[in-house]
C-alpha atoms as a PDB file:
ATOM      1  CA  MET A   1      31.676 -22.665 -29.571  1.00  0.00           C
ATOM      2  CA  GLN A   2      30.063 -25.612 -31.335  1.00  0.00           C
ATOM      3  CA  PRO A   3      29.225 -28.443 -28.935  1.00  0.00           C
ATOM      4  CA  ILE A   4      31.262 -31.569 -29.357  1.00  0.00           C
ATOM      5  CA  SER A   5      28.102 -33.637 -29.535  1.00  0.00           C
ATOM      6  CA  SER A   6      27.060 -31.764 -32.661  1.00  0.00           C
ATOM      7  CA  LEU A   7      29.509 -33.913 -34.585  1.00  0.00           C
ATOM      8  CA  SER A   8      26.856 -36.606 -34.324  1.00  0.00           C
ATOM      9  CA  SER A   9      23.269 -35.503 -34.195  1.00  0.00           C
ATOM     10  CA  PRO A  10      20.761 -37.761 -32.383  1.00  0.00           C
ATOM     11  CA  ARG A  11      19.353 -38.944 -35.709  1.00  0.00           C
ATOM     12  CA  GLN A  12      22.821 -39.648 -37.098  1.00  0.00           C
ATOM     13  CA  ALA A  13      23.823 -41.426 -33.898  1.00  0.00           C
ATOM     14  CA  HIS A  14      20.705 -43.594 -34.127  1.00  0.00           C
ATOM     15  CA  THR A  15      21.374 -44.581 -37.708  1.00  0.00           C
ATOM     16  CA  ALA A  16      25.125 -44.934 -37.208  1.00  0.00           C
ATOM     17  CA  LEU A  17      24.739 -47.577 -34.518  1.00  0.00           C
ATOM     18  CA  ARG A  18      23.871 -50.615 -36.605  1.00  0.00           C
ATOM     19  CA  LEU A  19      24.488 -53.081 -33.774  1.00  0.00           C
ATOM     20  CA  PRO A  20      23.045 -53.202 -30.269  1.00  0.00           C
ATOM     21  CA  PRO A  21      25.473 -51.725 -27.726  1.00  0.00           C
ATOM     22  CA  ALA A  22      26.259 -55.128 -26.201  1.00  0.00           C
ATOM     23  CA  SER A  23      26.990 -56.630 -29.620  1.00  0.00           C
ATOM     24  CA  LEU A  24      29.152 -53.657 -30.590  1.00  0.00           C
ATOM     25  CA  LEU A  25      31.217 -53.903 -27.410  1.00  0.00           C
ATOM     26  CA  ALA A  26      31.536 -57.663 -27.879  1.00  0.00           C
ATOM     27  CA  LEU A  27      32.823 -57.054 -31.416  1.00  0.00           C
ATOM     28  CA  LEU A  28      35.366 -54.500 -30.180  1.00  0.00           C
ATOM     29  CA  LEU A  29      36.461 -56.892 -27.434  1.00  0.00           C
ATOM     30  CA  GLY A  30      36.933 -59.650 -30.016  1.00  0.00           C
ATOM     31  CA  ILE A  31      39.013 -57.306 -32.190  1.00  0.00           C
ATOM     32  CA  SER A  32      41.101 -56.384 -29.156  1.00  0.00           C
ATOM     33  CA  VAL A  33      41.816 -60.043 -28.349  1.00  0.00           C
ATOM     34  CA  ALA A  34      42.613 -60.716 -32.007  1.00  0.00           C
ATOM     35  CA  THR A  35      45.178 -57.889 -32.098  1.00  0.00           C
ATOM     36  CA  LEU A  36      46.836 -59.297 -28.963  1.00  0.00           C
ATOM     37  CA  LEU A  37      47.056 -62.751 -30.559  1.00  0.00           C
ATOM     38  CA  LEU A  38      48.427 -61.204 -33.765  1.00  0.00           C
ATOM     39  CA  ALA A  39      51.063 -59.343 -31.752  1.00  0.00           C
ATOM     40  CA  CYS A  40      52.087 -62.571 -30.010  1.00  0.00           C
ATOM     41  CA  ALA A  41      52.345 -64.466 -33.292  1.00  0.00           C
ATOM     42  CA  SER A  42      54.152 -61.799 -35.358  1.00  0.00           C
ATOM     43  CA  GLY A  43      57.885 -61.179 -35.407  1.00  0.00           C
ATOM     44  CA  SER A  44      61.118 -62.204 -37.038  1.00  0.00           C
ATOM     45  CA  VAL A  45      60.272 -65.720 -35.808  1.00  0.00           C
ATOM     46  CA  ALA A  46      56.577 -66.262 -36.452  1.00  0.00           C
ATOM     47  CA  LEU A  47      54.452 -68.430 -34.187  1.00  0.00           C
ATOM     48  CA  GLY A  48      51.624 -70.362 -35.811  1.00  0.00           C
ATOM     49  CA  PRO A  49      48.223 -70.939 -34.208  1.00  0.00           C
ATOM     50  CA  GLY A  50      49.255 -74.451 -33.181  1.00  0.00           C
ATOM     51  CA  GLN A  51      52.405 -73.191 -31.455  1.00  0.00           C
ATOM     52  CA  LEU A  52      50.467 -70.467 -29.650  1.00  0.00           C
ATOM     53  CA  TRP A  53      47.922 -72.994 -28.438  1.00  0.00           C
ATOM     54  CA  GLN A  54      50.644 -75.339 -27.207  1.00  0.00           C
ATOM     55  CA  VAL A  55      52.428 -72.553 -25.326  1.00  0.00           C
ATOM     56  CA  LEU A  56      49.167 -71.397 -23.735  1.00  0.00           C
ATOM     57  CA  GLN A  57      48.651 -74.979 -22.547  1.00  0.00           C
ATOM     58  CA  GLY A  58      52.206 -75.076 -21.179  1.00  0.00           C
ATOM     59  CA  GLN A  59      53.391 -77.615 -23.746  1.00  0.00           C
ATOM     60  CA  GLY A  60      55.457 -75.436 -26.089  1.00  0.00           C
ATOM     61  CA  ASP A  61      59.224 -75.495 -26.519  1.00  0.00           C
ATOM     62  CA  ALA A  62      61.498 -73.049 -24.703  1.00  0.00           C
ATOM     63  CA  LEU A  63      61.950 -70.662 -27.657  1.00  0.00           C
ATOM     64  CA  ALA A  64      58.225 -70.345 -28.360  1.00  0.00           C
ATOM     65  CA  THR A  65      57.472 -69.846 -24.667  1.00  0.00           C
ATOM     66  CA  THR A  66      60.085 -67.102 -24.348  1.00  0.00           C
ATOM     67  CA  LEU A  67      58.888 -65.324 -27.495  1.00  0.00           C
ATOM     68  CA  LEU A  68      55.281 -65.443 -26.321  1.00  0.00           C
ATOM     69  CA  GLN A  69      56.172 -64.024 -22.916  1.00  0.00           C
ATOM     70  CA  LEU A  70      58.183 -61.153 -24.395  1.00  0.00           C
ATOM     71  CA  ARG A  71      55.631 -60.296 -27.069  1.00  0.00           C
ATOM     72  CA  LEU A  72      52.626 -60.591 -24.757  1.00  0.00           C
ATOM     73  CA  GLU A  73      54.244 -58.279 -22.206  1.00  0.00           C
ATOM     74  CA  ARG A  74      54.916 -55.660 -24.870  1.00  0.00           C
ATOM     75  CA  ALA A  75      51.444 -56.079 -26.377  1.00  0.00           C
ATOM     76  CA  LEU A  76      49.771 -55.603 -22.995  1.00  0.00           C
ATOM     77  CA  THR A  77      51.890 -52.495 -22.412  1.00  0.00           C
ATOM     78  CA  ALA A  78      50.698 -51.117 -25.752  1.00  0.00           C
ATOM     79  CA  TRP A  79      47.107 -52.109 -24.865  1.00  0.00           C
ATOM     80  CA  ILE A  80      47.001 -50.183 -21.587  1.00  0.00           C
ATOM     81  CA  THR A  81      48.792 -47.199 -23.146  1.00  0.00           C
ATOM     82  CA  GLY A  82      46.349 -46.979 -26.046  1.00  0.00           C
ATOM     83  CA  ALA A  83      43.360 -47.392 -23.738  1.00  0.00           C
ATOM     84  CA  ALA A  84      44.568 -44.595 -21.445  1.00  0.00           C
ATOM     85  CA  LEU A  85      45.224 -42.230 -24.367  1.00  0.00           C
ATOM     86  CA  ALA A  86      41.819 -42.869 -25.938  1.00  0.00           C
ATOM     87  CA  LEU A  87      39.926 -42.304 -22.687  1.00  0.00           C
ATOM     88  CA  ALA A  88      41.970 -39.191 -21.885  1.00  0.00           C
ATOM     89  CA  GLY A  89      41.243 -37.780 -25.346  1.00  0.00           C
ATOM     90  CA  LEU A  90      37.529 -38.458 -24.991  1.00  0.00           C
ATOM     91  CA  LEU A  91      37.411 -36.712 -21.613  1.00  0.00           C
ATOM     92  CA  MET A  92      39.399 -33.709 -22.854  1.00  0.00           C
ATOM     93  CA  GLN A  93      37.099 -33.268 -25.844  1.00  0.00           C
ATOM     94  CA  SER A  94      34.101 -33.365 -23.517  1.00  0.00           C
ATOM     95  CA  LEU A  95      35.692 -30.973 -21.033  1.00  0.00           C
ATOM     96  CA  LEU A  96      36.753 -28.370 -23.597  1.00  0.00           C
ATOM     97  CA  ARG A  97      33.849 -29.021 -25.998  1.00  0.00           C
ATOM     98  CA  ASN A  98      36.427 -28.983 -28.752  1.00  0.00           C
ATOM     99  CA  PRO A  99      36.749 -31.794 -31.327  1.00  0.00           C
ATOM    100  CA  LEU A 100      40.456 -30.981 -31.769  1.00  0.00           C
ATOM    101  CA  ALA A 101      41.331 -31.528 -28.110  1.00  0.00           C
ATOM    102  CA  ASP A 102      43.615 -34.451 -27.321  1.00  0.00           C
ATOM    103  CA  PRO A 103      45.380 -35.779 -24.194  1.00  0.00           C
ATOM    104  CA  TYR A 104      48.337 -33.440 -24.734  1.00  0.00           C
ATOM    105  CA  VAL A 105      46.438 -30.188 -25.177  1.00  0.00           C
ATOM    106  CA  MET A 106      46.806 -29.117 -21.527  1.00  0.00           C
ATOM    107  CA  GLY A 107      50.582 -29.546 -21.472  1.00  0.00           C
ATOM    108  CA  VAL A 108      50.674 -32.555 -19.144  1.00  0.00           C
ATOM    109  CA  SER A 109      52.726 -34.480 -21.674  1.00  0.00           C
ATOM    110  CA  GLY A 110      55.150 -31.543 -21.779  1.00  0.00           C
ATOM    111  CA  GLY A 111      55.810 -31.905 -18.070  1.00  0.00           C
ATOM    112  CA  ALA A 112      56.311 -35.644 -18.486  1.00  0.00           C
ATOM    113  CA  SER A 113      58.669 -35.052 -21.412  1.00  0.00           C
ATOM    114  CA  VAL A 114      60.759 -32.565 -19.432  1.00  0.00           C
ATOM    115  CA  GLY A 115      61.074 -35.033 -16.557  1.00  0.00           C
ATOM    116  CA  ALA A 116      61.957 -37.973 -18.797  1.00  0.00           C
ATOM    117  CA  LEU A 117      64.452 -36.084 -20.966  1.00  0.00           C
ATOM    118  CA  LEU A 118      66.116 -34.634 -17.889  1.00  0.00           C
ATOM    119  CA  ALA A 119      66.531 -38.166 -16.505  1.00  0.00           C
ATOM    120  CA  LEU A 120      67.902 -39.383 -19.860  1.00  0.00           C
ATOM    121  CA  TRP A 121      70.308 -36.434 -19.964  1.00  0.00           C
ATOM    122  CA  LEU A 122      71.534 -37.338 -16.485  1.00  0.00           C
ATOM    123  CA  GLY A 123      72.007 -40.967 -17.569  1.00  0.00           C
ATOM    124  CA  LEU A 124      69.574 -42.472 -15.061  1.00  0.00           C
ATOM    125  CA  ALA A 125      68.158 -45.987 -15.199  1.00  0.00           C
ATOM    126  CA  VAL A 126      64.997 -46.890 -17.131  1.00  0.00           C
ATOM    127  CA  TRP A 127      62.779 -47.067 -14.063  1.00  0.00           C
ATOM    128  CA  GLN A 128      64.093 -43.680 -12.951  1.00  0.00           C
ATOM    129  CA  VAL A 129      63.226 -42.212 -16.361  1.00  0.00           C
ATOM    130  CA  ASP A 130      59.661 -43.495 -15.992  1.00  0.00           C
ATOM    131  CA  LEU A 131      59.457 -42.136 -12.463  1.00  0.00           C
ATOM    132  CA  ALA A 132      60.759 -38.764 -13.637  1.00  0.00           C
ATOM    133  CA  ALA A 133      58.119 -38.694 -16.403  1.00  0.00           C
ATOM    134  CA  VAL A 134      55.327 -39.331 -13.909  1.00  0.00           C
ATOM    135  CA  ALA A 135      56.745 -36.737 -11.520  1.00  0.00           C
ATOM    136  CA  GLY A 136      56.981 -34.152 -14.302  1.00  0.00           C
ATOM    137  CA  ALA A 137      53.393 -34.777 -15.361  1.00  0.00           C
ATOM    138  CA  LEU A 138      52.135 -34.525 -11.782  1.00  0.00           C
ATOM    139  CA  VAL A 139      54.077 -31.315 -11.112  1.00  0.00           C
ATOM    140  CA  LEU A 140      52.728 -29.660 -14.240  1.00  0.00           C
ATOM    141  CA  SER A 141      49.199 -30.858 -13.430  1.00  0.00           C
ATOM    142  CA  GLY A 142      49.516 -29.301  -9.981  1.00  0.00           C
ATOM    143  CA  VAL A 143      50.703 -26.013 -11.475  1.00  0.00           C
ATOM    144  CA  LEU A 144      47.821 -26.109 -13.968  1.00  0.00           C
ATOM    145  CA  PHE A 145      45.272 -26.732 -11.216  1.00  0.00           C
ATOM    146  CA  TRP A 146      46.699 -23.898  -9.133  1.00  0.00           C
ATOM    147  CA  LEU A 147      46.758 -21.384 -11.989  1.00  0.00           C
ATOM    148  CA  ALA A 148      43.263 -22.296 -13.178  1.00  0.00           C
ATOM    149  CA  ARG A 149      41.684 -22.822  -9.747  1.00  0.00           C
ATOM    150  CA  ARG A 150      39.243 -19.928 -10.272  1.00  0.00           C
ATOM    151  CA  ASP A 151      38.365 -20.728 -13.886  1.00  0.00           C
ATOM    152  CA  PHE A 152      36.428 -23.981 -13.455  1.00  0.00           C
ATOM    153  CA  GLY A 153      33.172 -22.312 -12.495  1.00  0.00           C
ATOM    154  CA  ARG A 154      33.319 -19.349 -14.884  1.00  0.00           C
ATOM    155  CA  SER A 155      31.477 -19.098 -18.176  1.00  0.00           C
ATOM    156  CA  SER A 156      34.812 -18.548 -19.943  1.00  0.00           C
ATOM    157  CA  GLY A 157      36.538 -21.196 -17.831  1.00  0.00           C
ATOM    158  CA  THR A 158      37.256 -23.669 -20.621  1.00  0.00           C
ATOM    159  CA  VAL A 159      38.876 -21.003 -22.813  1.00  0.00           C
ATOM    160  CA  LEU A 160      41.048 -19.753 -19.937  1.00  0.00           C
ATOM    161  CA  LEU A 161      41.913 -23.341 -19.018  1.00  0.00           C
ATOM    162  CA  LEU A 162      42.946 -24.067 -22.592  1.00  0.00           C
ATOM    163  CA  LEU A 163      45.083 -20.928 -22.778  1.00  0.00           C
ATOM    164  CA  THR A 164      46.765 -21.761 -19.462  1.00  0.00           C
ATOM    165  CA  GLY A 165      47.575 -25.256 -20.697  1.00  0.00           C
ATOM    166  CA  ALA A 166      48.903 -23.912 -23.994  1.00  0.00           C
ATOM    167  CA  LEU A 167      51.235 -21.491 -22.179  1.00  0.00           C
ATOM    168  CA  LEU A 168      52.557 -24.246 -19.926  1.00  0.00           C
ATOM    169  CA  SER A 169      53.031 -26.508 -22.946  1.00  0.00           C
ATOM    170  CA  THR A 170      55.025 -23.772 -24.695  1.00  0.00           C
ATOM    171  CA  ALA A 171      57.243 -23.333 -21.641  1.00  0.00           C
ATOM    172  CA  CYS A 172      57.859 -27.078 -21.500  1.00  0.00           C
ATOM    173  CA  GLY A 173      58.677 -27.070 -25.215  1.00  0.00           C
ATOM    174  CA  ALA A 174      61.383 -24.476 -24.605  1.00  0.00           C
ATOM    175  CA  VAL A 175      62.919 -26.613 -21.847  1.00  0.00           C
ATOM    176  CA  ILE A 176      62.772 -29.690 -24.102  1.00  0.00           C
ATOM    177  CA  SER A 177      64.584 -27.797 -26.868  1.00  0.00           C
ATOM    178  CA  LEU A 178      67.239 -26.729 -24.358  1.00  0.00           C
ATOM    179  CA  LEU A 179      67.782 -30.319 -23.194  1.00  0.00           C
ATOM    180  CA  LEU A 180      68.070 -31.562 -26.789  1.00  0.00           C
ATOM    181  CA  THR A 181      70.561 -28.791 -27.540  1.00  0.00           C
ATOM    182  CA  ILE A 182      72.906 -29.546 -24.651  1.00  0.00           C
ATOM    183  CA  ALA A 183      72.594 -33.362 -24.847  1.00  0.00           C
ATOM    184  CA  GLN A 184      75.487 -35.504 -26.006  1.00  0.00           C
ATOM    185  CA  ASP A 185      75.276 -37.202 -29.405  1.00  0.00           C
ATOM    186  CA  ASN A 186      74.935 -40.647 -27.816  1.00  0.00           C
ATOM    187  CA  GLN A 187      71.936 -39.415 -25.802  1.00  0.00           C
ATOM    188  CA  LEU A 188      69.993 -37.830 -28.650  1.00  0.00           C
ATOM    189  CA  ARG A 189      68.691 -41.063 -30.203  1.00  0.00           C
ATOM    190  CA  GLY A 190      67.044 -42.207 -26.977  1.00  0.00           C
ATOM    191  CA  MET A 191      65.603 -38.748 -26.369  1.00  0.00           C
ATOM    192  CA  VAL A 192      64.151 -38.489 -29.880  1.00  0.00           C
ATOM    193  CA  PHE A 193      62.662 -41.993 -29.687  1.00  0.00           C
ATOM    194  CA  TRP A 194      61.030 -41.090 -26.377  1.00  0.00           C
ATOM    195  CA  LEU A 195      59.602 -37.865 -27.764  1.00  0.00           C
ATOM    196  CA  VAL A 196      58.195 -39.568 -30.867  1.00  0.00           C
ATOM    197  CA  GLY A 197      56.696 -42.403 -28.826  1.00  0.00           C
ATOM    198  CA  ASP A 198      58.171 -45.859 -28.368  1.00  0.00           C
ATOM    199  CA  ILE A 199      56.923 -48.956 -26.497  1.00  0.00           C
ATOM    200  CA  SER A 200      60.053 -51.101 -26.879  1.00  0.00           C
ATOM    201  CA  GLY A 201      61.922 -51.824 -23.674  1.00  0.00           C
ATOM    202  CA  THR A 202      59.025 -50.751 -21.445  1.00  0.00           C
ATOM    203  CA  PRO A 203      58.178 -53.457 -18.896  1.00  0.00           C
ATOM    204  CA  LEU A 204      54.600 -54.296 -17.998  1.00  0.00           C
ATOM    205  CA  ARG A 205      53.656 -52.633 -14.717  1.00  0.00           C
ATOM    206  CA  PRO A 206      50.553 -53.006 -12.543  1.00  0.00           C
ATOM    207  CA  TRP A 207      49.990 -49.345 -11.678  1.00  0.00           C
ATOM    208  CA  PRO A 208      48.727 -48.193 -15.125  1.00  0.00           C
ATOM    209  CA  TRP A 209      45.896 -50.696 -14.778  1.00  0.00           C
ATOM    210  CA  LEU A 210      45.176 -49.318 -11.300  1.00  0.00           C
ATOM    211  CA  VAL A 211      44.819 -45.849 -12.860  1.00  0.00           C
ATOM    212  CA  LEU A 212      42.702 -46.875 -15.857  1.00  0.00           C
ATOM    213  CA  LEU A 213      40.086 -48.895 -13.986  1.00  0.00           C
ATOM    214  CA  PRO A 214      39.029 -46.204 -11.444  1.00  0.00           C
ATOM    215  CA  ALA A 215      39.173 -43.521 -14.158  1.00  0.00           C
ATOM    216  CA  MET A 216      36.906 -45.574 -16.401  1.00  0.00           C
ATOM    217  CA  LEU A 217      34.414 -46.269 -13.593  1.00  0.00           C
ATOM    218  CA  LEU A 218      34.327 -42.629 -12.454  1.00  0.00           C
ATOM    219  CA  ALA A 219      33.874 -41.351 -16.007  1.00  0.00           C
ATOM    220  CA  TRP A 220      31.134 -43.903 -16.702  1.00  0.00           C
ATOM    221  CA  TRP A 221      29.364 -42.973 -13.466  1.00  0.00           C
ATOM    222  CA  GLN A 222      29.481 -39.277 -14.390  1.00  0.00           C
ATOM    223  CA  ALA A 223      28.559 -39.930 -18.047  1.00  0.00           C
ATOM    224  CA  PRO A 224      25.070 -38.328 -17.877  1.00  0.00           C
ATOM    225  CA  ALA A 225      26.529 -35.107 -16.455  1.00  0.00           C
ATOM    226  CA  ILE A 226      29.379 -35.150 -18.985  1.00  0.00           C
ATOM    227  CA  ASN A 227      26.857 -35.579 -21.796  1.00  0.00           C
ATOM    228  CA  LEU A 228      25.009 -32.465 -20.603  1.00  0.00           C
ATOM    229  CA  LEU A 229      28.276 -30.524 -20.327  1.00  0.00           C
ATOM    230  CA  ALA A 230      29.338 -31.520 -23.842  1.00  0.00           C
ATOM    231  CA  LEU A 231      25.927 -30.617 -25.264  1.00  0.00           C
ATOM    232  CA  HIS A 232      24.989 -27.457 -23.351  1.00  0.00           C
ATOM    233  CA  GLY A 233      28.271 -26.081 -21.984  1.00  0.00           C
ATOM    234  CA  ASP A 234      27.763 -23.579 -19.154  1.00  0.00           C
ATOM    235  CA  HIS A 235      23.986 -23.869 -19.514  1.00  0.00           C
ATOM    236  CA  ALA A 236      24.274 -27.395 -18.099  1.00  0.00           C
ATOM    237  CA  ALA A 237      24.399 -25.736 -14.655  1.00  0.00           C
ATOM    238  CA  THR A 238      20.692 -24.893 -15.026  1.00  0.00           C
ATOM    239  CA  LEU A 239      20.049 -28.643 -15.376  1.00  0.00           C
ATOM    240  CA  GLY A 240      21.741 -29.391 -12.067  1.00  0.00           C
ATOM    241  CA  VAL A 241      25.269 -30.151 -13.268  1.00  0.00           C
ATOM    242  CA  PRO A 242      27.957 -28.956 -10.803  1.00  0.00           C
ATOM    243  CA  LEU A 243      30.216 -27.434 -13.448  1.00  0.00           C
ATOM    244  CA  ALA A 244      33.244 -26.548 -11.337  1.00  0.00           C
ATOM    245  CA  ARG A 245      33.415 -29.933  -9.633  1.00  0.00           C
ATOM    246  CA  LEU A 246      32.812 -31.843 -12.878  1.00  0.00           C
ATOM    247  CA  ARG A 247      35.490 -29.896 -14.762  1.00  0.00           C
ATOM    248  CA  ARG A 248      38.010 -30.496 -11.985  1.00  0.00           C
ATOM    249  CA  LEU A 249      37.208 -34.209 -12.058  1.00  0.00           C
ATOM    250  CA  LEU A 250      37.555 -34.444 -15.836  1.00  0.00           C
ATOM    251  CA  LEU A 251      40.864 -32.596 -15.818  1.00  0.00           C
ATOM    252  CA  LEU A 252      42.163 -34.754 -12.974  1.00  0.00           C
ATOM    253  CA  LEU A 253      41.180 -37.987 -14.737  1.00  0.00           C
ATOM    254  CA  ALA A 254      42.568 -36.855 -18.090  1.00  0.00           C
ATOM    255  CA  ALA A 255      45.837 -35.688 -16.513  1.00  0.00           C
ATOM    256  CA  SER A 256      46.267 -38.963 -14.602  1.00  0.00           C
ATOM    257  CA  LEU A 257      45.596 -41.052 -17.709  1.00  0.00           C
ATOM    258  CA  THR A 258      47.935 -38.920 -19.820  1.00  0.00           C
ATOM    259  CA  ALA A 259      50.710 -39.158 -17.232  1.00  0.00           C
ATOM    260  CA  THR A 260      50.266 -42.930 -17.178  1.00  0.00           C
ATOM    261  CA  ALA A 261      50.387 -43.260 -20.958  1.00  0.00           C
ATOM    262  CA  VAL A 262      53.309 -40.877 -21.472  1.00  0.00           C
ATOM    263  CA  SER A 263      55.400 -42.565 -18.795  1.00  0.00           C
ATOM    264  CA  GLN A 264      54.788 -45.898 -20.541  1.00  0.00           C
ATOM    265  CA  GLY A 265      55.424 -45.017 -24.165  1.00  0.00           C
ATOM    266  CA  GLY A 266      56.429 -41.374 -24.523  1.00  0.00           C
ATOM    267  CA  SER A 267      54.440 -38.847 -26.546  1.00  0.00           C
ATOM    268  CA  ILE A 268      52.414 -41.128 -28.841  1.00  0.00           C
ATOM    269  CA  GLY A 269      50.237 -38.856 -30.931  1.00  0.00           C
ATOM    270  CA  PHE A 270      46.849 -39.052 -32.640  1.00  0.00           C
ATOM    271  CA  VAL A 271      45.432 -42.000 -30.642  1.00  0.00           C
ATOM    272  CA  GLY A 272      43.603 -39.745 -28.193  1.00  0.00           C
ATOM    273  CA  LEU A 273      42.445 -37.470 -31.015  1.00  0.00           C
ATOM    274  CA  MET A 274      41.504 -40.043 -33.654  1.00  0.00           C
ATOM    275  CA  VAL A 275      39.867 -42.851 -31.669  1.00  0.00           C
ATOM    276  CA  PRO A 276      37.097 -40.792 -29.962  1.00  0.00           C
ATOM    277  CA  HIS A 277      36.136 -39.361 -33.365  1.00  0.00           C
ATOM    278  CA  ALA A 278      35.944 -42.810 -34.965  1.00  0.00           C
ATOM    279  CA  CYS A 279      33.942 -44.246 -32.073  1.00  0.00           C
ATOM    280  CA  ARG A 280      31.585 -41.261 -32.061  1.00  0.00           C
ATOM    281  CA  LEU A 281      30.780 -41.902 -35.730  1.00  0.00           C
ATOM    282  CA  VAL A 282      29.788 -45.478 -34.911  1.00  0.00           C
ATOM    283  CA  CYS A 283      28.353 -45.173 -31.402  1.00  0.00           C
ATOM    284  CA  GLY A 284      26.898 -41.675 -31.315  1.00  0.00           C
ATOM    285  CA  PRO A 285      27.567 -39.087 -28.597  1.00  0.00           C
ATOM    286  CA  ASN A 286      26.428 -41.024 -25.492  1.00  0.00           C
ATOM    287  CA  LEU A 287      29.434 -41.469 -23.193  1.00  0.00           C
ATOM    288  CA  ARG A 288      27.942 -44.506 -21.491  1.00  0.00           C
ATOM    289  CA  LEU A 289      28.763 -46.371 -24.707  1.00  0.00           C
ATOM    290  CA  LEU A 290      31.628 -44.181 -25.923  1.00  0.00           C
ATOM    291  CA  ILE A 291      33.801 -44.777 -22.850  1.00  0.00           C
ATOM    292  CA  PRO A 292      34.186 -48.582 -23.136  1.00  0.00           C
ATOM    293  CA  ALA A 293      34.173 -48.398 -26.935  1.00  0.00           C
ATOM    294  CA  SER A 294      36.999 -45.835 -26.995  1.00  0.00           C
ATOM    295  CA  ILE A 295      39.049 -47.825 -24.493  1.00  0.00           C
ATOM    296  CA  LEU A 296      38.807 -51.026 -26.545  1.00  0.00           C
ATOM    297  CA  ALA A 297      39.365 -49.263 -29.868  1.00  0.00           C
ATOM    298  CA  GLY A 298      42.331 -47.233 -28.618  1.00  0.00           C
ATOM    299  CA  ALA A 299      43.945 -50.291 -27.089  1.00  0.00           C
ATOM    300  CA  SER A 300      43.486 -52.340 -30.275  1.00  0.00           C
ATOM    301  CA  LEU A 301      44.818 -49.536 -32.473  1.00  0.00           C
ATOM    302  CA  LEU A 302      48.032 -49.112 -30.500  1.00  0.00           C
ATOM    303  CA  VAL A 303      48.660 -52.868 -30.234  1.00  0.00           C
ATOM    304  CA  LEU A 304      48.278 -53.155 -34.009  1.00  0.00           C
ATOM    305  CA  ALA A 305      50.466 -50.098 -34.640  1.00  0.00           C
ATOM    306  CA  ASP A 306      53.186 -51.408 -32.317  1.00  0.00           C
ATOM    307  CA  THR A 307      53.083 -54.803 -34.015  1.00  0.00           C
ATOM    308  CA  LEU A 308      53.637 -53.105 -37.372  1.00  0.00           C
ATOM    309  CA  ALA A 309      56.372 -50.907 -35.872  1.00  0.00           C
ATOM    310  CA  ARG A 310      58.464 -53.913 -34.874  1.00  0.00           C
ATOM    311  CA  THR A 311      57.789 -56.078 -37.948  1.00  0.00           C
ATOM    312  CA  VAL A 312      57.423 -53.857 -41.022  1.00  0.00           C
ATOM    313  CA  VAL A 313      61.195 -53.248 -41.381  1.00  0.00           C
ATOM    314  CA  ALA A 314      62.418 -56.052 -39.097  1.00  0.00           C
ATOM    315  CA  PRO A 315      64.920 -56.484 -37.533  1.00  0.00           C
ATOM    316  CA  MET A 316      64.879 -52.673 -37.250  1.00  0.00           C
ATOM    317  CA  GLN A 317      62.123 -51.319 -35.004  1.00  0.00           C
ATOM    318  CA  LEU A 318      60.325 -48.057 -35.672  1.00  0.00           C
ATOM    319  CA  PRO A 319      58.922 -45.755 -32.979  1.00  0.00           C
ATOM    320  CA  VAL A 320      55.215 -46.511 -32.778  1.00  0.00           C
ATOM    321  CA  GLY A 321      54.413 -42.798 -32.706  1.00  0.00           C
ATOM    322  CA  ILE A 322      55.463 -42.537 -36.361  1.00  0.00           C
ATOM    323  CA  LEU A 323      52.883 -45.089 -37.452  1.00  0.00           C
ATOM    324  CA  THR A 324      50.061 -43.585 -35.384  1.00  0.00           C
ATOM    325  CA  ALA A 325      50.797 -40.192 -36.963  1.00  0.00           C
ATOM    326  CA  LEU A 326      50.908 -41.635 -40.486  1.00  0.00           C
ATOM    327  CA  LEU A 327      47.575 -43.341 -39.822  1.00  0.00           C
ATOM    328  CA  GLY A 328      45.981 -40.446 -37.953  1.00  0.00           C
ATOM    329  CA  VAL A 329      46.570 -37.652 -40.481  1.00  0.00           C
ATOM    330  CA  PRO A 330      44.578 -39.181 -43.393  1.00  0.00           C
ATOM    331  CA  VAL A 331      41.807 -40.329 -41.043  1.00  0.00           C
ATOM    332  CA  LEU A 332      41.389 -36.823 -39.647  1.00  0.00           C
ATOM    333  CA  PHE A 333      41.499 -35.285 -43.131  1.00  0.00           C
ATOM    334  CA  TRP A 334      38.691 -37.658 -44.090  1.00  0.00           C
ATOM    335  CA  GLN A 335      36.725 -36.627 -41.005  1.00  0.00           C
ATOM    336  CA  LEU A 336      37.210 -32.946 -41.864  1.00  0.00           C
ATOM    337  CA  SER A 337      36.004 -33.529 -45.415  1.00  0.00           C
ATOM    338  CA  ARG A 338      32.865 -35.261 -44.082  1.00  0.00           C
ATOM    339  CA  THR A 339      32.237 -32.323 -41.757  1.00  0.00           C
ATOM    340  CA  ARG A 340      32.641 -29.822 -44.594  1.00  0.00           C
ATOM    341  CA  ARG A 341      30.168 -31.721 -46.784  1.00  0.00           C
ATOM    342  CA  ARG A 342      27.637 -31.880 -43.952  1.00  0.00           C
ATOM    343  CA  LEU A 343      27.937 -28.153 -43.239  1.00  0.00           C
ATOM    344  CA  ALA A 344      27.778 -27.171 -46.928  1.00  0.00           C
END
């Protein structure tokens, strides 16, 4: 299997990074703040820079203050969801050494979808739907860990792990189809919106931030070992990398981040697949830089996509997952064409 780091050779990574790492991260942080401000200003009732500044100083009128609070809460929800998806995708690609891996490849999102759709079918409250999504993701992650408990240290462990996740994902897909078949007509719209990916109506919660921060710090701390795993695969064990323990950690972090993101916004596709590729082209393969860059880029992308989803055909709101898919497909086709030209 071709190592994931081969997508950017050391020479290409050196020439691709035109800015110092600190300057690049500062630029991405500025873009992230700009997308948040754009999300707060955009809507059926636009808020100008002067109105935003007045509200931030506590001097705005009641309407502007209310709009800013509602839009900022939704934008921050999109920010944390996009950041979690991007980091989960980066970790899954490093774990499986597969450039096509994304946060949903192990079936964790399938477990979350089964839990959420079951709660929607039963007519439960919004917070109960979110809780059911988290519970479904955790249950499936536990089943995955139990089934693959002997594969983490084997030379064929990543292939067996991928196959196990694919089988679980297929089983969850069958249950999802069953729930959609037996659901009432008035329940189908909410179920479909959840499956496609939708941020609207999701309140801002503290616990996704409590998942992202430790996951980011742990992944950054283990970045040298993850770099060796992505580059050398099983041969990284000869360089002192504890393969079984590192693979368990990566799967645990990716599953936790995916469960967090899916419970927030449903199955939003392409963010976890597209963002690590784009950041790798700019930053190179070193995860010490890729981790914060992917988090900021993924967060900015989803905030921008959600802003377009609620404004492009206003007052109607589109599921944000539609826009990320429409954006992700041409970007990945472009990446594939670049890869073909380089290999030719």
